[in-house]
Amino acid sequence: MSGLLKSSIARKVAMALSAFFLLIFLLLHFSVNFISVFSEDVFNEASHFMGTNPLIQFLMQPILIIGVVFHFVMGFVLEAKNKAARPVKYSKYSGSENASWMSRNMLVSGAVILAFLGLHFYDFWVHEITVKYVDGDMSGLILGTEHLRYYEEMHDKFADIWRVALYCISFVLLSLHLLHGFQSAFQSVGIRKFRNVIVKLGNIYAIVIPLGFIFIALYHHFTH
């Protein structure tokens, strides 16, 4: 595998495959979180199922973490390789004439998204690991009650306007990242026949999903 990834084409294909995996996860993650807008009970049940299901916890979750790390590491590697392949800096260069802002700043948007993931992991994942595997509480219940805790914990996280602002800014950057990354992933694996359809689907995905996450954060803030 390490020998295969020394090829620039192989690295781009690997990057694209990890992108497809994360695109699917992001859609599923959005779908589950969007339930919180409509039904506290259903959201609690769905969250408890995923949080206690061994297949999700001990197989899918590690795969997800590896996929996220791989995608970002490969992105930085590709950027470094591209820069190394163009050692000569021209005195005048108009990047916008050759590529969009999104494609020229994928590393910037990716770095911001990575920083946001650090906050997101701290807000939710670290807390879950602590409650379930450090404190040993797998019940999912609010202490001293018979009510599941997931909705209330999520709702409380968005009480602070600074956290909501950080989430919203991060999702705007995610949207810009996806506007280029979605179609680029298909191009990297050689799918060019339906380019116009892919571009349109990519634009819809890149706008609707991040906007949906922003709506969720704002909803929980203003209904707190």
C-alpha atoms as a PDB file:
ATOM      1  CA  MET A   1       0.000   0.000   0.000  1.00  0.00           C
ATOM      2  CA  SER A   2       2.785   2.452   0.898  1.00  0.00           C
ATOM      3  CA  GLY A   3       4.466   1.721  -2.431  1.00  0.00           C
ATOM      4  CA  LEU A   4       1.207   2.192  -4.301  1.00  0.00           C
ATOM      5  CA  LEU A   5       0.562   5.556  -2.637  1.00  0.00           C
ATOM      6  CA  LYS A   6       3.909   6.850  -3.928  1.00  0.00           C
ATOM      7  CA  SER A   7       2.148   7.290  -7.267  1.00  0.00           C
ATOM      8  CA  SER A   8       0.470  10.698  -7.660  1.00  0.00           C
ATOM      9  CA  ILE A   9      -2.516   9.082  -9.395  1.00  0.00           C
ATOM     10  CA  ALA A  10      -2.900   6.514  -6.609  1.00  0.00           C
ATOM     11  CA  ARG A  11      -2.777   9.263  -3.985  1.00  0.00           C
ATOM     12  CA  LYS A  12      -5.525  11.211  -5.756  1.00  0.00           C
ATOM     13  CA  VAL A  13      -7.704   8.100  -6.085  1.00  0.00           C
ATOM     14  CA  ALA A  14      -7.174   7.264  -2.396  1.00  0.00           C
ATOM     15  CA  MET A  15      -8.050  10.840  -1.502  1.00  0.00           C
ATOM     16  CA  ALA A  16     -11.220  10.619  -3.617  1.00  0.00           C
ATOM     17  CA  LEU A  17     -12.305   7.309  -2.055  1.00  0.00           C
ATOM     18  CA  SER A  18     -11.889   8.712   1.452  1.00  0.00           C
ATOM     19  CA  ALA A  19     -13.907  11.752   0.308  1.00  0.00           C
ATOM     20  CA  PHE A  20     -16.771   9.503  -0.884  1.00  0.00           C
ATOM     21  CA  PHE A  21     -16.762   7.747   2.475  1.00  0.00           C
ATOM     22  CA  LEU A  22     -16.908  11.049   4.366  1.00  0.00           C
ATOM     23  CA  LEU A  23     -19.632  12.422   2.069  1.00  0.00           C
ATOM     24  CA  ILE A  24     -21.829   9.436   2.924  1.00  0.00           C
ATOM     25  CA  PHE A  25     -21.080   9.787   6.635  1.00  0.00           C
ATOM     26  CA  LEU A  26     -21.824  13.522   6.575  1.00  0.00           C
ATOM     27  CA  LEU A  27     -25.226  12.871   4.999  1.00  0.00           C
ATOM     28  CA  LEU A  28     -26.062  10.245   7.634  1.00  0.00           C
ATOM     29  CA  HIS A  29     -24.780  12.465  10.445  1.00  0.00           C
ATOM     30  CA  PHE A  30     -26.906  15.352   9.211  1.00  0.00           C
ATOM     31  CA  SER A  31     -30.001  13.152   8.877  1.00  0.00           C
ATOM     32  CA  VAL A  32     -29.775  11.934  12.471  1.00  0.00           C
ATOM     33  CA  ASN A  33     -29.093  15.396  13.903  1.00  0.00           C
ATOM     34  CA  PHE A  34     -31.902  16.950  11.859  1.00  0.00           C
ATOM     35  CA  ILE A  35     -34.333  14.643  13.666  1.00  0.00           C
ATOM     36  CA  SER A  36     -33.673  16.732  16.810  1.00  0.00           C
ATOM     37  CA  VAL A  37     -35.556  19.621  15.216  1.00  0.00           C
ATOM     38  CA  PHE A  38     -38.742  17.566  14.908  1.00  0.00           C
ATOM     39  CA  SER A  39     -38.744  14.953  17.662  1.00  0.00           C
ATOM     40  CA  GLU A  40     -36.801  14.879  20.919  1.00  0.00           C
ATOM     41  CA  ASP A  41     -37.859  11.298  21.615  1.00  0.00           C
ATOM     42  CA  VAL A  42     -36.881   9.903  18.211  1.00  0.00           C
ATOM     43  CA  PHE A  43     -33.546  11.720  18.352  1.00  0.00           C
ATOM     44  CA  ASN A  44     -32.880  10.294  21.811  1.00  0.00           C
ATOM     45  CA  GLU A  45     -33.712   6.768  20.691  1.00  0.00           C
ATOM     46  CA  ALA A  46     -31.586   7.029  17.543  1.00  0.00           C
ATOM     47  CA  SER A  47     -28.649   8.476  19.495  1.00  0.00           C
ATOM     48  CA  HIS A  48     -28.887   5.799  22.176  1.00  0.00           C
ATOM     49  CA  PHE A  49     -29.001   3.046  19.565  1.00  0.00           C
ATOM     50  CA  MET A  50     -25.874   4.337  17.811  1.00  0.00           C
ATOM     51  CA  GLY A  51     -24.119   5.051  21.094  1.00  0.00           C
ATOM     52  CA  THR A  52     -24.591   1.527  22.436  1.00  0.00           C
ATOM     53  CA  ASN A  53     -24.517  -0.589  19.271  1.00  0.00           C
ATOM     54  CA  PRO A  54     -21.249  -2.628  19.297  1.00  0.00           C
ATOM     55  CA  LEU A  55     -21.033  -2.688  15.494  1.00  0.00           C
ATOM     56  CA  ILE A  56     -21.166   1.098  15.321  1.00  0.00           C
ATOM     57  CA  GLN A  57     -18.992   1.720  18.380  1.00  0.00           C
ATOM     58  CA  PHE A  58     -16.209  -0.792  17.788  1.00  0.00           C
ATOM     59  CA  LEU A  59     -16.164  -1.145  13.999  1.00  0.00           C
ATOM     60  CA  MET A  60     -17.715   1.847  12.246  1.00  0.00           C
ATOM     61  CA  GLN A  61     -16.454   4.482  14.683  1.00  0.00           C
ATOM     62  CA  PRO A  62     -12.767   3.491  14.387  1.00  0.00           C
ATOM     63  CA  ILE A  63     -13.140   3.270  10.596  1.00  0.00           C
ATOM     64  CA  LEU A  64     -14.616   6.778  10.601  1.00  0.00           C
ATOM     65  CA  ILE A  65     -11.756   8.185  12.681  1.00  0.00           C
ATOM     66  CA  ILE A  66      -9.185   6.508  10.411  1.00  0.00           C
ATOM     67  CA  GLY A  67     -11.026   7.858   7.357  1.00  0.00           C
ATOM     68  CA  VAL A  68     -11.023  11.420   8.696  1.00  0.00           C
ATOM     69  CA  VAL A  69      -7.326  11.289   9.633  1.00  0.00           C
ATOM     70  CA  PHE A  70      -6.386   9.678   6.314  1.00  0.00           C
ATOM     71  CA  HIS A  71      -8.325  12.258   4.293  1.00  0.00           C
ATOM     72  CA  PHE A  72      -6.709  15.242   5.982  1.00  0.00           C
ATOM     73  CA  VAL A  73      -3.200  13.770   6.001  1.00  0.00           C
ATOM     74  CA  MET A  74      -3.505  12.858   2.320  1.00  0.00           C
ATOM     75  CA  GLY A  75      -4.767  16.366   1.568  1.00  0.00           C
ATOM     76  CA  PHE A  76      -1.697  17.940   3.156  1.00  0.00           C
ATOM     77  CA  VAL A  77       0.575  15.425   1.385  1.00  0.00           C
ATOM     78  CA  LEU A  78      -0.966  16.192  -2.011  1.00  0.00           C
ATOM     79  CA  GLU A  79      -0.623  19.922  -1.406  1.00  0.00           C
ATOM     80  CA  ALA A  80       3.034  19.523  -0.426  1.00  0.00           C
ATOM     81  CA  LYS A  81       3.737  17.353  -3.486  1.00  0.00           C
ATOM     82  CA  ASN A  82       2.024  19.850  -5.776  1.00  0.00           C
ATOM     83  CA  LYS A  83       4.082  22.716  -4.394  1.00  0.00           C
ATOM     84  CA  ALA A  84       7.279  20.693  -4.694  1.00  0.00           C
ATOM     85  CA  ALA A  85       6.468  19.985  -8.335  1.00  0.00           C
ATOM     86  CA  ARG A  86       6.223  23.741  -9.016  1.00  0.00           C
ATOM     87  CA  PRO A  87       9.399  25.157  -7.430  1.00  0.00           C
ATOM     88  CA  VAL A  88       9.503  28.207  -9.685  1.00  0.00           C
ATOM     89  CA  LYS A  89       7.415  31.140  -8.494  1.00  0.00           C
ATOM     90  CA  TYR A  90       6.349  33.514 -11.208  1.00  0.00           C
ATOM     91  CA  SER A  91       6.447  37.243 -10.625  1.00  0.00           C
ATOM     92  CA  LYS A  92       2.872  37.589 -11.757  1.00  0.00           C
ATOM     93  CA  TYR A  93       0.176  35.003 -11.372  1.00  0.00           C
ATOM     94  CA  SER A  94      -3.578  35.348 -11.539  1.00  0.00           C
ATOM     95  CA  GLY A  95      -4.926  32.220  -9.936  1.00  0.00           C
ATOM     96  CA  SER A  96      -8.554  33.116 -10.573  1.00  0.00           C
ATOM     97  CA  GLU A  97      -7.951  32.843 -14.312  1.00  0.00           C
ATOM     98  CA  ASN A  98      -6.973  29.171 -13.957  1.00  0.00           C
ATOM     99  CA  ALA A  99      -8.918  27.911 -10.960  1.00  0.00           C
ATOM    100  CA  SER A 100     -11.713  28.888  -8.596  1.00  0.00           C
ATOM    101  CA  TRP A 101     -11.091  30.302  -5.132  1.00  0.00           C
ATOM    102  CA  MET A 102     -12.303  27.024  -3.637  1.00  0.00           C
ATOM    103  CA  SER A 103      -9.843  24.874  -5.564  1.00  0.00           C
ATOM    104  CA  ARG A 104      -6.934  27.208  -4.758  1.00  0.00           C
ATOM    105  CA  ASN A 105      -7.734  27.269  -1.042  1.00  0.00           C
ATOM    106  CA  MET A 106      -8.739  23.684  -0.269  1.00  0.00           C
ATOM    107  CA  LEU A 107      -5.874  23.472   2.235  1.00  0.00           C
ATOM    108  CA  VAL A 108      -7.090  26.609   4.043  1.00  0.00           C
ATOM    109  CA  SER A 109     -10.708  25.476   4.264  1.00  0.00           C
ATOM    110  CA  GLY A 110      -9.522  21.973   5.201  1.00  0.00           C
ATOM    111  CA  ALA A 111      -7.377  23.331   8.038  1.00  0.00           C
ATOM    112  CA  VAL A 112     -10.316  25.333   9.445  1.00  0.00           C
ATOM    113  CA  ILE A 113     -12.581  22.272   9.202  1.00  0.00           C
ATOM    114  CA  LEU A 114      -9.925  20.200  10.985  1.00  0.00           C
ATOM    115  CA  ALA A 115      -9.787  22.760  13.820  1.00  0.00           C
ATOM    116  CA  PHE A 116     -13.583  22.690  14.002  1.00  0.00           C
ATOM    117  CA  LEU A 117     -13.533  18.886  14.233  1.00  0.00           C
ATOM    118  CA  GLY A 118     -11.287  19.258  17.271  1.00  0.00           C
ATOM    119  CA  LEU A 119     -13.969  21.393  18.957  1.00  0.00           C
ATOM    120  CA  HIS A 120     -16.738  19.063  17.802  1.00  0.00           C
ATOM    121  CA  PHE A 121     -14.931  15.997  19.145  1.00  0.00           C
ATOM    122  CA  TYR A 122     -14.374  17.778  22.446  1.00  0.00           C
ATOM    123  CA  ASP A 123     -18.027  18.830  22.673  1.00  0.00           C
ATOM    124  CA  PHE A 124     -19.577  15.458  21.930  1.00  0.00           C
ATOM    125  CA  TRP A 125     -17.231  12.508  21.333  1.00  0.00           C
ATOM    126  CA  VAL A 126     -14.945  13.012  24.350  1.00  0.00           C
ATOM    127  CA  HIS A 127     -17.978  13.503  26.564  1.00  0.00           C
ATOM    128  CA  GLU A 128     -19.582  10.301  25.273  1.00  0.00           C
ATOM    129  CA  ILE A 129     -16.411   8.267  25.762  1.00  0.00           C
ATOM    130  CA  THR A 130     -16.047   9.645  29.301  1.00  0.00           C
ATOM    131  CA  VAL A 131     -19.634   8.865  30.318  1.00  0.00           C
ATOM    132  CA  LYS A 132     -19.770   5.387  28.794  1.00  0.00           C
ATOM    133  CA  TYR A 133     -16.278   3.989  29.191  1.00  0.00           C
ATOM    134  CA  VAL A 134     -14.711   5.976  32.040  1.00  0.00           C
ATOM    135  CA  ASP A 135     -17.745   6.464  34.300  1.00  0.00           C
ATOM    136  CA  GLY A 136     -19.229   3.169  33.095  1.00  0.00           C
ATOM    137  CA  ASP A 137     -22.720   4.573  32.521  1.00  0.00           C
ATOM    138  CA  MET A 138     -24.241   2.910  29.443  1.00  0.00           C
ATOM    139  CA  SER A 139     -27.848   3.712  30.395  1.00  0.00           C
ATOM    140  CA  GLY A 140     -28.019   6.926  28.402  1.00  0.00           C
ATOM    141  CA  LEU A 141     -30.239   8.409  31.093  1.00  0.00           C
ATOM    142  CA  ILE A 142     -30.103  11.822  32.734  1.00  0.00           C
ATOM    143  CA  LEU A 143     -28.820  11.220  36.256  1.00  0.00           C
ATOM    144  CA  GLY A 144     -31.702  10.562  38.647  1.00  0.00           C
ATOM    145  CA  THR A 145     -34.347  10.398  35.908  1.00  0.00           C
ATOM    146  CA  GLU A 146     -35.845   7.963  33.408  1.00  0.00           C
ATOM    147  CA  HIS A 147     -35.239  10.323  30.458  1.00  0.00           C
ATOM    148  CA  LEU A 148     -32.535   9.856  27.822  1.00  0.00           C
ATOM    149  CA  ARG A 149     -29.885  12.581  27.949  1.00  0.00           C
ATOM    150  CA  TYR A 150     -28.830  13.081  24.311  1.00  0.00           C
ATOM    151  CA  TYR A 151     -31.278  15.781  23.223  1.00  0.00           C
ATOM    152  CA  GLU A 152     -30.803  17.842  26.369  1.00  0.00           C
ATOM    153  CA  GLU A 153     -27.008  17.680  26.092  1.00  0.00           C
ATOM    154  CA  MET A 154     -27.059  18.736  22.456  1.00  0.00           C
ATOM    155  CA  HIS A 155     -29.582  21.489  23.189  1.00  0.00           C
ATOM    156  CA  ASP A 156     -27.411  22.876  25.997  1.00  0.00           C
ATOM    157  CA  LYS A 157     -24.260  22.897  23.846  1.00  0.00           C
ATOM    158  CA  PHE A 158     -25.748  25.586  21.611  1.00  0.00           C
ATOM    159  CA  ALA A 159     -26.771  27.925  24.424  1.00  0.00           C
ATOM    160  CA  ASP A 160     -23.554  29.951  24.018  1.00  0.00           C
ATOM    161  CA  ILE A 161     -23.581  32.280  21.019  1.00  0.00           C
ATOM    162  CA  TRP A 162     -19.796  32.023  20.551  1.00  0.00           C
ATOM    163  CA  ARG A 163     -20.051  28.263  19.985  1.00  0.00           C
ATOM    164  CA  VAL A 164     -22.931  28.746  17.546  1.00  0.00           C
ATOM    165  CA  ALA A 165     -20.884  31.369  15.675  1.00  0.00           C
ATOM    166  CA  LEU A 166     -17.880  29.028  15.431  1.00  0.00           C
ATOM    167  CA  TYR A 167     -20.082  26.217  14.150  1.00  0.00           C
ATOM    168  CA  CYS A 168     -21.715  28.472  11.547  1.00  0.00           C
ATOM    169  CA  ILE A 169     -18.379  29.837  10.274  1.00  0.00           C
ATOM    170  CA  SER A 170     -16.991  26.310  10.066  1.00  0.00           C
ATOM    171  CA  PHE A 171     -19.977  25.097   8.067  1.00  0.00           C
ATOM    172  CA  VAL A 172     -19.605  27.991   5.619  1.00  0.00           C
ATOM    173  CA  LEU A 173     -15.988  26.883   5.079  1.00  0.00           C
ATOM    174  CA  LEU A 174     -17.200  23.296   4.757  1.00  0.00           C
ATOM    175  CA  SER A 175     -19.612  24.423   2.045  1.00  0.00           C
ATOM    176  CA  LEU A 176     -16.796  26.095   0.107  1.00  0.00           C
ATOM    177  CA  HIS A 177     -14.643  22.990   0.562  1.00  0.00           C
ATOM    178  CA  LEU A 178     -17.417  20.747  -0.753  1.00  0.00           C
ATOM    179  CA  LEU A 179     -18.196  22.965  -3.751  1.00  0.00           C
ATOM    180  CA  HIS A 180     -14.859  21.933  -5.215  1.00  0.00           C
ATOM    181  CA  GLY A 181     -14.200  18.663  -3.417  1.00  0.00           C
ATOM    182  CA  PHE A 182     -17.415  16.893  -4.467  1.00  0.00           C
ATOM    183  CA  GLN A 183     -16.831  17.116  -8.215  1.00  0.00           C
ATOM    184  CA  SER A 184     -13.052  16.785  -7.807  1.00  0.00           C
ATOM    185  CA  ALA A 185     -13.507  13.384  -6.131  1.00  0.00           C
ATOM    186  CA  PHE A 186     -15.471  12.055  -9.111  1.00  0.00           C
ATOM    187  CA  GLN A 187     -12.921  13.483 -11.523  1.00  0.00           C
ATOM    188  CA  SER A 188     -10.068  11.818  -9.627  1.00  0.00           C
ATOM    189  CA  VAL A 189     -11.584   8.356 -10.109  1.00  0.00           C
ATOM    190  CA  GLY A 190     -12.154   9.004 -13.806  1.00  0.00           C
ATOM    191  CA  ILE A 191     -15.902   9.675 -13.806  1.00  0.00           C
ATOM    192  CA  ARG A 192     -16.313  12.503 -16.320  1.00  0.00           C
ATOM    193  CA  LYS A 193     -19.193  11.327 -18.497  1.00  0.00           C
ATOM    194  CA  PHE A 194     -21.902  12.935 -16.369  1.00  0.00           C
ATOM    195  CA  ARG A 195     -19.904  16.004 -15.379  1.00  0.00           C
ATOM    196  CA  ASN A 196     -22.808  18.489 -15.583  1.00  0.00           C
ATOM    197  CA  VAL A 197     -25.022  16.286 -13.420  1.00  0.00           C
ATOM    198  CA  ILE A 198     -22.199  15.727 -10.905  1.00  0.00           C
ATOM    199  CA  VAL A 199     -21.519  19.464 -10.694  1.00  0.00           C
ATOM    200  CA  LYS A 200     -25.208  20.197 -10.035  1.00  0.00           C
ATOM    201  CA  LEU A 201     -25.489  17.437  -7.440  1.00  0.00           C
ATOM    202  CA  GLY A 202     -22.284  18.670  -5.841  1.00  0.00           C
ATOM    203  CA  ASN A 203     -23.588  22.222  -5.635  1.00  0.00           C
ATOM    204  CA  ILE A 204     -26.840  21.036  -4.048  1.00  0.00           C
ATOM    205  CA  TYR A 205     -25.003  18.850  -1.538  1.00  0.00           C
ATOM    206  CA  ALA A 206     -22.443  21.557  -0.716  1.00  0.00           C
ATOM    207  CA  ILE A 207     -25.166  24.102   0.026  1.00  0.00           C
ATOM    208  CA  VAL A 208     -27.983  22.052   1.561  1.00  0.00           C
ATOM    209  CA  ILE A 209     -25.979  19.934   4.034  1.00  0.00           C
ATOM    210  CA  PRO A 210     -23.876  22.738   5.621  1.00  0.00           C
ATOM    211  CA  LEU A 211     -26.914  25.056   5.615  1.00  0.00           C
ATOM    212  CA  GLY A 212     -28.877  22.309   7.342  1.00  0.00           C
ATOM    213  CA  PHE A 213     -26.242  21.993  10.055  1.00  0.00           C
ATOM    214  CA  ILE A 214     -26.297  25.773  10.527  1.00  0.00           C
ATOM    215  CA  PHE A 215     -30.082  25.642  10.860  1.00  0.00           C
ATOM    216  CA  ILE A 216     -29.780  22.923  13.535  1.00  0.00           C
ATOM    217  CA  ALA A 217     -27.296  24.993  15.568  1.00  0.00           C
ATOM    218  CA  LEU A 218     -29.431  28.143  15.294  1.00  0.00           C
ATOM    219  CA  TYR A 219     -32.608  26.231  16.125  1.00  0.00           C
ATOM    220  CA  HIS A 220     -31.167  24.875  19.363  1.00  0.00           C
ATOM    221  CA  HIS A 221     -29.729  28.260  20.288  1.00  0.00           C
ATOM    222  CA  PHE A 222     -32.915  30.248  19.797  1.00  0.00           C
ATOM    223  CA  THR A 223     -35.171  27.639  21.383  1.00  0.00           C
ATOM    224  CA  HIS A 224     -32.963  27.213  24.429  1.00  0.00           C
END
